[in-house]
PDB file of N, CA and C in Angstrom:
ATOM      1  N   MET A   1      90.782 110.615  79.062  1.00  0.00           N
ATOM      2  CA  MET A   1      90.642 110.874  80.839  1.00  0.00           C
ATOM      3  C   MET A   1      90.043 109.618  80.921  1.00  0.00           C
ATOM      4  N   SER A   2      90.468 109.335  82.241  1.00  0.00           N
ATOM      5  CA  SER A   2      90.032 108.305  82.912  1.00  0.00           C
ATOM      6  C   SER A   2      88.831 108.804  83.924  1.00  0.00           C
ATOM      7  N   HIS A   3      88.228 107.784  84.965  1.00  0.00           N
ATOM      8  CA  HIS A   3      86.852 107.714  85.315  1.00  0.00           C
ATOM      9  C   HIS A   3      87.634 107.087  86.857  1.00  0.00           C
ATOM     10  N   LEU A   4      87.290 107.754  87.869  1.00  0.00           N
ATOM     11  CA  LEU A   4      87.006 107.070  88.918  1.00  0.00           C
ATOM     12  C   LEU A   4      86.027 106.023  89.458  1.00  0.00           C
ATOM     13  N   ALA A   5      84.818 106.133  89.262  1.00  0.00           N
ATOM     14  CA  ALA A   5      84.119 105.609  89.546  1.00  0.00           C
ATOM     15  C   ALA A   5      82.920 105.829  87.949  1.00  0.00           C
ATOM     16  N   CYS A   6      82.394 104.633  88.417  1.00  0.00           N
ATOM     17  CA  CYS A   6      80.712 104.618  87.454  1.00  0.00           C
ATOM     18  C   CYS A   6      80.221 104.276  87.825  1.00  0.00           C
ATOM     19  N   ALA A   7      78.632 105.447  88.070  1.00  0.00           N
ATOM     20  CA  ALA A   7      77.436 105.269  88.590  1.00  0.00           C
ATOM     21  C   ALA A   7      76.086 103.931  87.425  1.00  0.00           C
ATOM     22  N   ASP A   8      76.884 103.561  86.673  1.00  0.00           N
ATOM     23  CA  ASP A   8      75.603 102.829  85.777  1.00  0.00           C
ATOM     24  C   ASP A   8      74.715 101.540  86.371  1.00  0.00           C
ATOM     25  N   LEU A   9      75.074 101.386  87.373  1.00  0.00           N
ATOM     26  CA  LEU A   9      74.429 100.166  88.222  1.00  0.00           C
ATOM     27  C   LEU A   9      74.098  98.800  86.960  1.00  0.00           C
ATOM     28  N   LEU A  10      73.016  99.466  86.291  1.00  0.00           N
ATOM     29  CA  LEU A  10      72.356  98.844  85.773  1.00  0.00           C
ATOM     30  C   LEU A  10      73.522  97.919  84.967  1.00  0.00           C
ATOM     31  N   ASN A  11      74.304  98.232  84.225  1.00  0.00           N
ATOM     32  CA  ASN A  11      75.358  97.832  83.635  1.00  0.00           C
ATOM     33  C   ASN A  11      76.419  97.540  83.916  1.00  0.00           C
ATOM     34  N   CYS A  12      76.505  97.590  85.310  1.00  0.00           N
ATOM     35  CA  CYS A  12      77.869  97.725  85.948  1.00  0.00           C
ATOM     36  C   CYS A  12      77.998  95.672  85.819  1.00  0.00           C
ATOM     37  N   PHE A  13      76.627  95.419  85.807  1.00  0.00           N
ATOM     38  CA  PHE A  13      77.525  93.464  85.842  1.00  0.00           C
ATOM     39  C   PHE A  13      77.850  93.205  84.461  1.00  0.00           C
ATOM     40  N   SER A  14      77.329  94.273  83.356  1.00  0.00           N
ATOM     41  CA  SER A  14      77.852  93.542  82.267  1.00  0.00           C
ATOM     42  C   SER A  14      79.003  94.400  81.515  1.00  0.00           C
ATOM     43  N   CYS A  15      79.449  95.268  82.509  1.00  0.00           N
ATOM     44  CA  CYS A  15      81.148  96.072  81.938  1.00  0.00           C
ATOM     45  C   CYS A  15      82.080  95.370  81.906  1.00  0.00           C
ATOM     46  N   PRO A  16      83.412  95.076  81.306  1.00  0.00           N
ATOM     47  CA  PRO A  16      84.798  94.424  81.333  1.00  0.00           C
ATOM     48  C   PRO A  16      85.129  94.771  82.267  1.00  0.00           C
ATOM     49  N   ASN A  17      85.245  96.084  82.925  1.00  0.00           N
ATOM     50  CA  ASN A  17      86.203  96.752  83.702  1.00  0.00           C
ATOM     51  C   ASN A  17      85.506  96.595  85.423  1.00  0.00           C
ATOM     52  N   GLN A  18      84.622  95.664  85.081  1.00  0.00           N
ATOM     53  CA  GLN A  18      83.899  95.265  86.823  1.00  0.00           C
ATOM     54  C   GLN A  18      84.410  94.872  87.931  1.00  0.00           C
ATOM     55  N   VAL A  19      84.682  95.533  89.041  1.00  0.00           N
ATOM     56  CA  VAL A  19      85.259  94.537  90.127  1.00  0.00           C
ATOM     57  C   VAL A  19      84.532  94.649  91.337  1.00  0.00           C
ATOM     58  N   LEU A  20      84.238  93.533  91.559  1.00  0.00           N
ATOM     59  CA  LEU A  20      83.083  92.914  93.011  1.00  0.00           C
ATOM     60  C   LEU A  20      84.365  92.925  93.920  1.00  0.00           C
ATOM     61  N   VAL A  21      84.155  93.513  95.285  1.00  0.00           N
ATOM     62  CA  VAL A  21      85.321  93.277  96.648  1.00  0.00           C
ATOM     63  C   VAL A  21      84.373  91.490  97.354  1.00  0.00           C
ATOM     64  N   GLU A  22      85.545  90.656  97.627  1.00  0.00           N
ATOM     65  CA  GLU A  22      84.753  89.896  98.104  1.00  0.00           C
ATOM     66  C   GLU A  22      84.250  89.748  99.367  1.00  0.00           C
ATOM     67  N   GLU A  23      83.942  90.690  99.660  1.00  0.00           N
ATOM     68  CA  GLU A  23      83.890  90.737 101.099  1.00  0.00           C
ATOM     69  C   GLU A  23      82.445  90.625 101.744  1.00  0.00           C
ATOM     70  N   VAL A  24      82.312  89.958 102.853  1.00  0.00           N
ATOM     71  CA  VAL A  24      80.486  90.084 103.216  1.00  0.00           C
ATOM     72  C   VAL A  24      79.733  91.276 103.211  1.00  0.00           C
ATOM     73  N   ASP A  25      80.451  92.204 103.514  1.00  0.00           N
ATOM     74  CA  ASP A  25      79.472  93.166 103.192  1.00  0.00           C
ATOM     75  C   ASP A  25      79.498  93.879 102.195  1.00  0.00           C
ATOM     76  N   ASP A  26      80.173  93.626 101.156  1.00  0.00           N
ATOM     77  CA  ASP A  26      79.719  94.254  99.470  1.00  0.00           C
ATOM     78  C   ASP A  26      78.772  92.857  99.207  1.00  0.00           C
ATOM     79  N   ILE A  27      78.531  91.840  99.329  1.00  0.00           N
ATOM     80  CA  ILE A  27      78.019  90.619  98.884  1.00  0.00           C
ATOM     81  C   ILE A  27      76.865  91.098  99.321  1.00  0.00           C
ATOM     82  N   TRP A  28      76.547  91.566 100.808  1.00  0.00           N
ATOM     83  CA  TRP A  28      75.328  91.512 101.466  1.00  0.00           C
ATOM     84  C   TRP A  28      74.452  92.462 100.674  1.00  0.00           C
ATOM     85  N   CYS A  29      75.706  93.517 100.324  1.00  0.00           N
ATOM     86  CA  CYS A  29      74.999  94.891  99.102  1.00  0.00           C
ATOM     87  C   CYS A  29      74.366  94.160  98.591  1.00  0.00           C
ATOM     88  N   LEU A  30      75.059  93.627  97.404  1.00  0.00           N
ATOM     89  CA  LEU A  30      74.816  92.952  96.477  1.00  0.00           C
ATOM     90  C   LEU A  30      73.274  91.953  96.494  1.00  0.00           C
ATOM     91  N   LEU A  31      73.343  91.846  97.117  1.00  0.00           N
ATOM     92  CA  LEU A  31      71.968  90.740  97.624  1.00  0.00           C
ATOM     93  C   LEU A  31      71.089  91.570  97.770  1.00  0.00           C
ATOM     94  N   SER A  32      70.915  92.416  98.356  1.00  0.00           N
ATOM     95  CA  SER A  32      70.538  93.596  98.915  1.00  0.00           C
ATOM     96  C   SER A  32      69.530  93.931  97.527  1.00  0.00           C
ATOM     97  N   PHE A  33      70.495  94.847  96.509  1.00  0.00           N
ATOM     98  CA  PHE A  33      69.997  95.187  95.454  1.00  0.00           C
ATOM     99  C   PHE A  33      69.163  94.261  94.581  1.00  0.00           C
ATOM    100  N   TYR A  34      70.286  93.444  94.720  1.00  0.00           N
ATOM    101  CA  TYR A  34      69.006  91.874  93.875  1.00  0.00           C
ATOM    102  C   TYR A  34      67.930  92.094  94.562  1.00  0.00           C
ATOM    103  N   GLU A  35      67.483  91.783  95.489  1.00  0.00           N
ATOM    104  CA  GLU A  35      66.062  91.413  96.301  1.00  0.00           C
ATOM    105  C   GLU A  35      65.368  92.984  95.770  1.00  0.00           C
ATOM    106  N   ALA A  36      65.692  93.890  95.763  1.00  0.00           N
ATOM    107  CA  ALA A  36      64.957  95.668  95.764  1.00  0.00           C
ATOM    108  C   ALA A  36      64.713  95.614  93.899  1.00  0.00           C
ATOM    109  N   LEU A  37      65.786  94.771  93.308  1.00  0.00           N
ATOM    110  CA  LEU A  37      65.521  95.470  91.550  1.00  0.00           C
ATOM    111  C   LEU A  37      63.901  93.821  91.399  1.00  0.00           C
ATOM    112  N   GLU A  38      64.031  92.975  91.957  1.00  0.00           N
ATOM    113  CA  GLU A  38      63.087  91.918  92.083  1.00  0.00           C
ATOM    114  C   GLU A  38      62.226  91.780  92.977  1.00  0.00           C
ATOM    115  N   ASP A  39      61.936  93.067  93.800  1.00  0.00           N
ATOM    116  CA  ASP A  39      60.510  93.763  94.401  1.00  0.00           C
ATOM    117  C   ASP A  39      60.271  94.447  93.531  1.00  0.00           C
ATOM    118  N   ALA A  40      61.203  95.106  91.985  1.00  0.00           N
ATOM    119  CA  ALA A  40      60.291  96.280  91.573  1.00  0.00           C
ATOM    120  C   ALA A  40      59.399  95.542  90.386  1.00  0.00           C
ATOM    121  N   LYS A  41      58.839  94.267  90.620  1.00  0.00           N
ATOM    122  CA  LYS A  41      58.257  94.111  89.584  1.00  0.00           C
ATOM    123  C   LYS A  41      56.906  94.449  90.060  1.00  0.00           C
ATOM    124  N   GLU A  42      56.340  94.516  91.445  1.00  0.00           N
ATOM    125  CA  GLU A  42      55.065  95.125  91.597  1.00  0.00           C
ATOM    126  C   GLU A  42      54.723  96.902  90.975  1.00  0.00           C
ATOM    127  N   ASP A  43      55.906  97.298  90.240  1.00  0.00           N
ATOM    128  CA  ASP A  43      55.632  98.887  89.806  1.00  0.00           C
ATOM    129  C   ASP A  43      56.400  98.707  88.965  1.00  0.00           C
ATOM    130  N   HIS A  44      55.551  97.656  87.860  1.00  0.00           N
ATOM    131  CA  HIS A  44      56.187  97.771  86.367  1.00  0.00           C
ATOM    132  C   HIS A  44      54.681  97.073  85.814  1.00  0.00           C
ATOM    133  N   LEU A  45      54.041  96.943  85.162  1.00  0.00           N
ATOM    134  CA  LEU A  45      52.899  97.268  83.963  1.00  0.00           C
ATOM    135  C   LEU A  45      52.261  95.933  84.198  1.00  0.00           C
ATOM    136  N   ASN A  46      53.707  94.501  83.722  1.00  0.00           N
ATOM    137  CA  ASN A  46      53.106  93.247  83.720  1.00  0.00           C
ATOM    138  C   ASN A  46      54.419  92.545  83.613  1.00  0.00           C
ATOM    139  N   MET A  47      54.807  91.183  83.375  1.00  0.00           N
ATOM    140  CA  MET A  47      55.952  90.828  83.612  1.00  0.00           C
ATOM    141  C   MET A  47      56.459  91.188  82.696  1.00  0.00           C
ATOM    142  N   SER A  48      55.972  91.415  81.564  1.00  0.00           N
ATOM    143  CA  SER A  48      56.635  91.856  80.478  1.00  0.00           C
ATOM    144  C   SER A  48      57.802  93.336  80.174  1.00  0.00           C
ATOM    145  N   HIS A  49      57.283  93.702  80.430  1.00  0.00           N
ATOM    146  CA  HIS A  49      57.517  95.172  81.074  1.00  0.00           C
ATOM    147  C   HIS A  49      58.813  94.964  82.395  1.00  0.00           C
ATOM    148  N   PHE A  50      58.457  94.126  83.104  1.00  0.00           N
ATOM    149  CA  PHE A  50      59.554  94.043  83.982  1.00  0.00           C
ATOM    150  C   PHE A  50      61.352  93.552  83.697  1.00  0.00           C
ATOM    151  N   LYS A  51      60.699  92.009  82.582  1.00  0.00           N
ATOM    152  CA  LYS A  51      61.535  91.326  82.480  1.00  0.00           C
ATOM    153  C   LYS A  51      62.565  92.128  81.271  1.00  0.00           C
ATOM    154  N   ASN A  52      61.824  93.225  79.978  1.00  0.00           N
ATOM    155  CA  ASN A  52      62.252  94.485  79.319  1.00  0.00           C
ATOM    156  C   ASN A  52      63.645  94.986  80.641  1.00  0.00           C
ATOM    157  N   ASN A  53      63.114  95.413  81.312  1.00  0.00           N
ATOM    158  CA  ASN A  53      63.822  96.285  81.948  1.00  0.00           C
ATOM    159  C   ASN A  53      65.178  95.778  82.852  1.00  0.00           C
ATOM    160  N   PHE A  54      64.988  94.620  83.582  1.00  0.00           N
ATOM    161  CA  PHE A  54      65.525  93.964  84.817  1.00  0.00           C
ATOM    162  C   PHE A  54      66.003  92.458  84.256  1.00  0.00           C
ATOM    163  N   ASP A  55      65.949  91.889  83.529  1.00  0.00           N
ATOM    164  CA  ASP A  55      66.007  90.355  83.158  1.00  0.00           C
ATOM    165  C   ASP A  55      67.670  90.486  83.132  1.00  0.00           C
ATOM    166  N   ARG A  56      67.796  91.247  82.184  1.00  0.00           N
ATOM    167  CA  ARG A  56      69.174  90.949  82.261  1.00  0.00           C
ATOM    168  C   ARG A  56      70.030  90.975  82.881  1.00  0.00           C
ATOM    169  N   VAL A  57      70.084  92.557  83.711  1.00  0.00           N
ATOM    170  CA  VAL A  57      70.935  92.655  84.517  1.00  0.00           C
ATOM    171  C   VAL A  57      70.795  91.530  85.939  1.00  0.00           C
ATOM    172  N   LEU A  58      69.340  91.508  86.016  1.00  0.00           N
ATOM    173  CA  LEU A  58      68.862  89.722  87.154  1.00  0.00           C
ATOM    174  C   LEU A  58      70.314  88.948  87.146  1.00  0.00           C
ATOM    175  N   ARG A  59      70.095  88.544  85.378  1.00  0.00           N
ATOM    176  CA  ARG A  59      70.943  87.143  85.073  1.00  0.00           C
ATOM    177  C   ARG A  59      72.183  87.216  85.188  1.00  0.00           C
ATOM    178  N   LYS A  60      72.955  88.205  85.193  1.00  0.00           N
ATOM    179  CA  LYS A  60      74.760  88.674  85.356  1.00  0.00           C
ATOM    180  C   LYS A  60      74.592  88.892  87.161  1.00  0.00           C
ATOM    181  N   ILE A  61      73.767  89.466  87.409  1.00  0.00           N
ATOM    182  CA  ILE A  61      73.875  89.715  89.226  1.00  0.00           C
ATOM    183  C   ILE A  61      74.046  88.380  89.537  1.00  0.00           C
ATOM    184  N   LYS A  62      73.307  87.090  89.048  1.00  0.00           N
ATOM    185  CA  LYS A  62      73.289  85.977  89.602  1.00  0.00           C
ATOM    186  C   LYS A  62      74.807  85.351  88.813  1.00  0.00           C
ATOM    187  N   GLN A  63      74.600  85.178  88.133  1.00  0.00           N
ATOM    188  CA  GLN A  63      76.879  84.857  87.354  1.00  0.00           C
ATOM    189  C   GLN A  63      77.573  85.699  87.975  1.00  0.00           C
ATOM    190  N   VAL A  64      77.383  87.098  88.686  1.00  0.00           N
ATOM    191  CA  VAL A  64      78.813  87.224  89.839  1.00  0.00           C
ATOM    192  C   VAL A  64      78.420  86.100  91.066  1.00  0.00           C
ATOM    193  N   LEU A  65      77.149  86.396  91.419  1.00  0.00           N
ATOM    194  CA  LEU A  65      77.377  85.375  92.885  1.00  0.00           C
ATOM    195  C   LEU A  65      77.644  84.255  93.263  1.00  0.00           C
ATOM    196  N   PHE A  66      77.379  83.281  91.854  1.00  0.00           N
ATOM    197  CA  PHE A  66      78.093  81.886  91.779  1.00  0.00           C
ATOM    198  C   PHE A  66      79.562  82.187  91.411  1.00  0.00           C
ATOM    199  N   SER A  67      80.041  83.040  91.702  1.00  0.00           N
ATOM    200  CA  SER A  67      81.810  83.149  91.290  1.00  0.00           C
ATOM    201  C   SER A  67      82.452  83.527  92.920  1.00  0.00           C
ATOM    202  N   ILE A  68      81.274  83.697  93.725  1.00  0.00           N
ATOM    203  CA  ILE A  68      81.793  84.405  94.470  1.00  0.00           C
ATOM    204  C   ILE A  68      82.310  82.908  95.778  1.00  0.00           C
ATOM    205  N   ASP A  69      83.319  83.365  96.230  1.00  0.00           N
ATOM    206  CA  ASP A  69      83.478  82.029  97.342  1.00  0.00           C
ATOM    207  C   ASP A  69      82.266  81.591  97.984  1.00  0.00           C
ATOM    208  N   LEU A  70      81.949  80.138  98.527  1.00  0.00           N
ATOM    209  CA  LEU A  70      80.858  80.026  98.948  1.00  0.00           C
ATOM    210  C   LEU A  70      80.451  80.382 100.575  1.00  0.00           C
ATOM    211  N   LYS A  71      81.620  80.655 101.076  1.00  0.00           N
ATOM    212  CA  LYS A  71      81.830  80.919 102.358  1.00  0.00           C
ATOM    213  C   LYS A  71      80.918  82.387 102.721  1.00  0.00           C
ATOM    214  N   VAL A  72      82.095  83.169 101.546  1.00  0.00           N
ATOM    215  CA  VAL A  72      81.438  84.943 101.650  1.00  0.00           C
ATOM    216  C   VAL A  72      80.097  84.872 101.636  1.00  0.00           C
ATOM    217  N   ARG A  73      79.812  84.402 100.174  1.00  0.00           N
ATOM    218  CA  ARG A  73      78.150  84.287  99.924  1.00  0.00           C
ATOM    219  C   ARG A  73      77.474  83.738 101.145  1.00  0.00           C
ATOM    220  N   ARG A  74      77.324  82.802 101.194  1.00  0.00           N
ATOM    221  CA  ARG A  74      76.655  82.368 102.523  1.00  0.00           C
ATOM    222  C   ARG A  74      76.800  83.214 104.451  1.00  0.00           C
ATOM    223  N   GLN A  75      77.880  83.625 104.071  1.00  0.00           N
ATOM    224  CA  GLN A  75      78.085  84.688 105.398  1.00  0.00           C
ATOM    225  C   GLN A  75      77.102  85.730 105.143  1.00  0.00           C
ATOM    226  N   ALA A  76      77.273  86.787 103.682  1.00  0.00           N
ATOM    227  CA  ALA A  76      76.088  87.486 103.377  1.00  0.00           C
ATOM    228  C   ALA A  76      74.647  86.856 102.950  1.00  0.00           C
ATOM    229  N   GLU A  77      74.501  86.641 102.755  1.00  0.00           N
ATOM    230  CA  GLU A  77      73.234  85.490 102.471  1.00  0.00           C
ATOM    231  C   GLU A  77      72.554  85.682 104.235  1.00  0.00           C
ATOM    232  N   ARG A  78      73.347  84.843 105.056  1.00  0.00           N
ATOM    233  CA  ARG A  78      73.061  84.969 106.902  1.00  0.00           C
ATOM    234  C   ARG A  78      72.652  86.295 106.777  1.00  0.00           C
ATOM    235  N   LYS A  79      73.386  87.225 106.844  1.00  0.00           N
ATOM    236  CA  LYS A  79      73.208  88.775 107.165  1.00  0.00           C
ATOM    237  C   LYS A  79      72.389  89.419 106.446  1.00  0.00           C
ATOM    238  N   LEU A  80      71.876  88.976 105.260  1.00  0.00           N
ATOM    239  CA  LEU A  80      70.672  89.308 104.817  1.00  0.00           C
ATOM    240  C   LEU A  80      69.487  89.162 104.940  1.00  0.00           C
ATOM    241  N   HIS A  81      69.072  88.078 105.671  1.00  0.00           N
ATOM    242  CA  HIS A  81      67.799  87.273 106.745  1.00  0.00           C
ATOM    243  C   HIS A  81      68.511  87.834 108.085  1.00  0.00           C
ATOM    244  N   THR A  82      69.329  87.464 108.617  1.00  0.00           N
ATOM    245  CA  THR A  82      69.461  88.217 109.592  1.00  0.00           C
ATOM    246  C   THR A  82      69.260  89.679 110.457  1.00  0.00           C
ATOM    247  N   ILE A  83      69.710  90.976 109.457  1.00  0.00           N
ATOM    248  CA  ILE A  83      69.857  91.633 109.470  1.00  0.00           C
ATOM    249  C   ILE A  83      69.110  92.541 108.711  1.00  0.00           C
ATOM    250  N   GLY A  84      68.882  91.939 107.574  1.00  0.00           N
ATOM    251  CA  GLY A  84      67.790  92.565 106.699  1.00  0.00           C
ATOM    252  C   GLY A  84      68.760  93.313 105.093  1.00  0.00           C
ATOM    253  N   ARG A  85      67.968  94.561 105.035  1.00  0.00           N
ATOM    254  CA  ARG A  85      69.179  94.846 103.553  1.00  0.00           C
ATOM    255  C   ARG A  85      69.581  95.647 104.143  1.00  0.00           C
ATOM    256  N   HIS A  86      70.871  95.861 103.327  1.00  0.00           N
ATOM    257  CA  HIS A  86      71.813  97.653 103.020  1.00  0.00           C
ATOM    258  C   HIS A  86      70.787  98.288 103.318  1.00  0.00           C
ATOM    259  N   PRO A  87      71.453  99.475 104.052  1.00  0.00           N
ATOM    260  CA  PRO A  87      70.689 100.575 103.962  1.00  0.00           C
ATOM    261  C   PRO A  87      70.761 101.420 102.905  1.00  0.00           C
ATOM    262  N   PHE A  88      71.571 100.691 101.299  1.00  0.00           N
ATOM    263  CA  PHE A  88      71.320 101.565 100.290  1.00  0.00           C
ATOM    264  C   PHE A  88      70.150 101.044  99.426  1.00  0.00           C
ATOM    265  N   TRP A  89      69.626  99.474  99.829  1.00  0.00           N
ATOM    266  CA  TRP A  89      68.509  98.990  98.866  1.00  0.00           C
ATOM    267  C   TRP A  89      67.226  98.999 100.118  1.00  0.00           C
ATOM    268  N   PRO A  90      66.816  99.691 101.115  1.00  0.00           N
ATOM    269  CA  PRO A  90      65.766  99.899 102.262  1.00  0.00           C
ATOM    270  C   PRO A  90      64.613  98.685 101.396  1.00  0.00           C
ATOM    271  N   ASP A  91      63.884  97.380 102.804  1.00  0.00           N
ATOM    272  CA  ASP A  91      62.906  96.754 102.032  1.00  0.00           C
ATOM    273  C   ASP A  91      62.040  97.291 101.710  1.00  0.00           C
ATOM    274  N   THR A  92      61.454  98.804 102.081  1.00  0.00           N
ATOM    275  CA  THR A  92      60.055  99.593 101.162  1.00  0.00           C
ATOM    276  C   THR A  92      61.023 100.964 101.284  1.00  0.00           C
ATOM    277  N   LEU A  93      60.366 101.730 100.469  1.00  0.00           N
ATOM    278  CA  LEU A  93      60.256 103.291 100.225  1.00  0.00           C
ATOM    279  C   LEU A  93      59.622 103.839 101.727  1.00  0.00           C
ATOM    280  N   ASN A  94      60.359 104.554 102.337  1.00  0.00           N
ATOM    281  CA  ASN A  94      59.262 106.040 103.099  1.00  0.00           C
ATOM    282  C   ASN A  94      58.609 106.636 102.353  1.00  0.00           C
ATOM    283  N   LEU A  95      57.415 106.827 101.643  1.00  0.00           N
ATOM    284  CA  LEU A  95      56.739 107.819 100.525  1.00  0.00           C
ATOM    285  C   LEU A  95      56.081 109.136 101.795  1.00  0.00           C
ATOM    286  N   VAL A  96      55.993 108.689 103.099  1.00  0.00           N
ATOM    287  CA  VAL A  96      55.074 109.684 104.030  1.00  0.00           C
ATOM    288  C   VAL A  96      56.295 110.719 104.311  1.00  0.00           C
ATOM    289  N   LEU A  97      55.400 111.736 104.007  1.00  0.00           N
ATOM    290  CA  LEU A  97      56.390 113.481 104.089  1.00  0.00           C
ATOM    291  C   LEU A  97      55.582 113.726 105.858  1.00  0.00           C
TER     292      LEU A  97
END
């Protein structure tokens, strides 16, 4: 059986079937995800715990980002700094009920 999509984001960047659309909005979303993972440092017991959970995926995302056309990557970086993160990966979680 074939699958239409996979939701295993932490393993996505090691997957041989991974496809990334080289569009500004898609790269902006990826950069936002990267920043959200970086922010997760505060939610871990210590740096070793964080690295155990996310170091591999962060390295893979960096690898992917450097394979993106520089012009597209720069536009996505500008969008991240101008607008902020993609709505999928907000700067803070709204924990207020």
